[in-house]
Amino acid sequence: MFKRAIGHRREYWMSNLDWYTWDHTLSTPGEGHAGISPAPDVADVGDLLLAGVGAVGSALLYILSSMRCQGRITLLDRDCV
């Protein structure tokens, strides 16, 4: 969609793509990916600075709350949350 928005010619667009969240594989369908990788047992977030809990930040926290996590999350938001 980005290439279309900035005016790239249609032959440079990817018509279809597969995105696997847990192993970060971006490919076109049929490229031979072995299937969808399972979610990890523990999400290692390391030292994460989360700047704001708007649409993206709250979605991240929602996803992380559904699994076991290790690491340290620091929340930076000027709004009352």
Protein backbone atom coordinates (compact mmCIF):
# COMPACT_ATOMS: atom_id res chain seq x y z
CA MET A 1 0.00 0.00 0.00
CA PHE A 2 2.89 2.33 0.78
CA LYS A 3 4.42 1.91 -2.69
CA ARG A 4 1.05 2.67 -4.23
CA ALA A 5 0.64 5.76 -2.05
CA ILE A 6 4.02 7.20 -3.05
CA GLY A 7 3.48 6.55 -6.75
CA HIS A 8 5.56 3.46 -7.53
CA ARG A 9 4.54 1.66 -10.71
CA ARG A 10 2.26 -1.37 -10.33
CA GLU A 11 4.97 -3.85 -11.40
CA TYR A 12 6.90 -2.98 -8.21
CA TRP A 13 3.98 -3.78 -5.91
CA MET A 14 3.63 -7.09 -4.08
CA SER A 15 0.22 -8.40 -5.06
CA ASN A 16 -0.06 -10.76 -2.08
CA LEU A 17 2.10 -11.35 0.95
CA ASP A 18 2.33 -13.52 4.03
CA TRP A 19 3.49 -12.07 7.36
CA TYR A 20 4.34 -14.41 10.23
CA THR A 21 4.43 -12.39 13.44
CA TRP A 22 6.60 -14.63 15.58
CA ASP A 23 9.47 -15.26 13.18
CA HIS A 24 9.20 -12.02 11.15
CA THR A 25 9.07 -13.73 7.77
CA LEU A 26 7.69 -11.65 4.92
CA SER A 27 7.11 -13.64 1.75
CA THR A 28 4.78 -14.01 -1.15
CA PRO A 29 2.31 -16.90 -0.86
CA GLY A 30 3.70 -20.19 -2.16
CA GLU A 31 7.36 -19.33 -1.55
CA GLY A 32 7.70 -22.48 0.51
CA HIS A 33 7.27 -21.27 4.10
CA ALA A 34 6.92 -24.33 6.29
CA GLY A 35 3.71 -23.04 7.86
CA ILE A 36 2.78 -20.68 10.62
CA SER A 37 5.24 -20.65 13.49
CA PRO A 38 3.76 -21.05 16.95
CA ALA A 39 3.82 -18.18 19.41
CA PRO A 40 6.73 -18.36 21.87
CA ASP A 41 6.09 -19.70 25.37
CA VAL A 42 7.62 -16.58 26.92
CA ALA A 43 7.89 -13.17 25.25
CA ASP A 44 11.28 -11.69 26.14
CA VAL A 45 10.76 -7.92 25.93
CA GLY A 46 14.18 -7.03 27.35
CA ASP A 47 14.23 -3.43 28.59
CA LEU A 48 11.23 -1.97 26.77
CA LEU A 49 10.35 1.73 26.85
CA LEU A 50 6.72 2.14 25.83
CA ALA A 51 6.13 5.76 24.86
CA GLY A 52 2.40 6.28 25.06
CA VAL A 53 -0.54 3.93 25.40
CA GLY A 54 -2.61 5.17 22.48
CA ALA A 55 -3.74 2.82 19.73
CA VAL A 56 -0.41 1.03 19.21
CA GLY A 57 0.76 1.04 22.83
CA SER A 58 -2.52 -0.27 24.23
CA ALA A 59 -2.68 -2.97 21.54
CA LEU A 60 0.85 -4.08 22.47
CA LEU A 61 -0.03 -4.24 26.16
CA TYR A 62 -3.20 -6.19 25.35
CA ILE A 63 -1.24 -8.77 23.34
CA LEU A 64 1.50 -9.04 25.96
CA SER A 65 -1.07 -9.52 28.72
CA SER A 66 -2.23 -12.72 27.04
CA MET A 67 1.16 -14.43 27.43
CA ARG A 68 3.99 -14.86 29.90
CA CYS A 69 6.58 -12.11 29.61
CA GLN A 70 10.06 -11.54 30.93
CA GLY A 71 11.96 -8.30 31.01
CA ARG A 72 11.19 -4.83 32.19
CA ILE A 73 8.59 -2.45 30.69
CA THR A 74 8.79 1.26 31.45
CA LEU A 75 5.72 3.29 30.52
CA LEU A 76 6.13 6.92 29.47
CA ASP A 77 2.85 8.77 28.91
CA ARG A 78 1.91 12.33 29.80
CA ASP A 79 -1.75 11.41 29.91
CA CYS A 80 -3.34 9.96 33.02
CA VAL A 81 -3.44 6.21 32.39
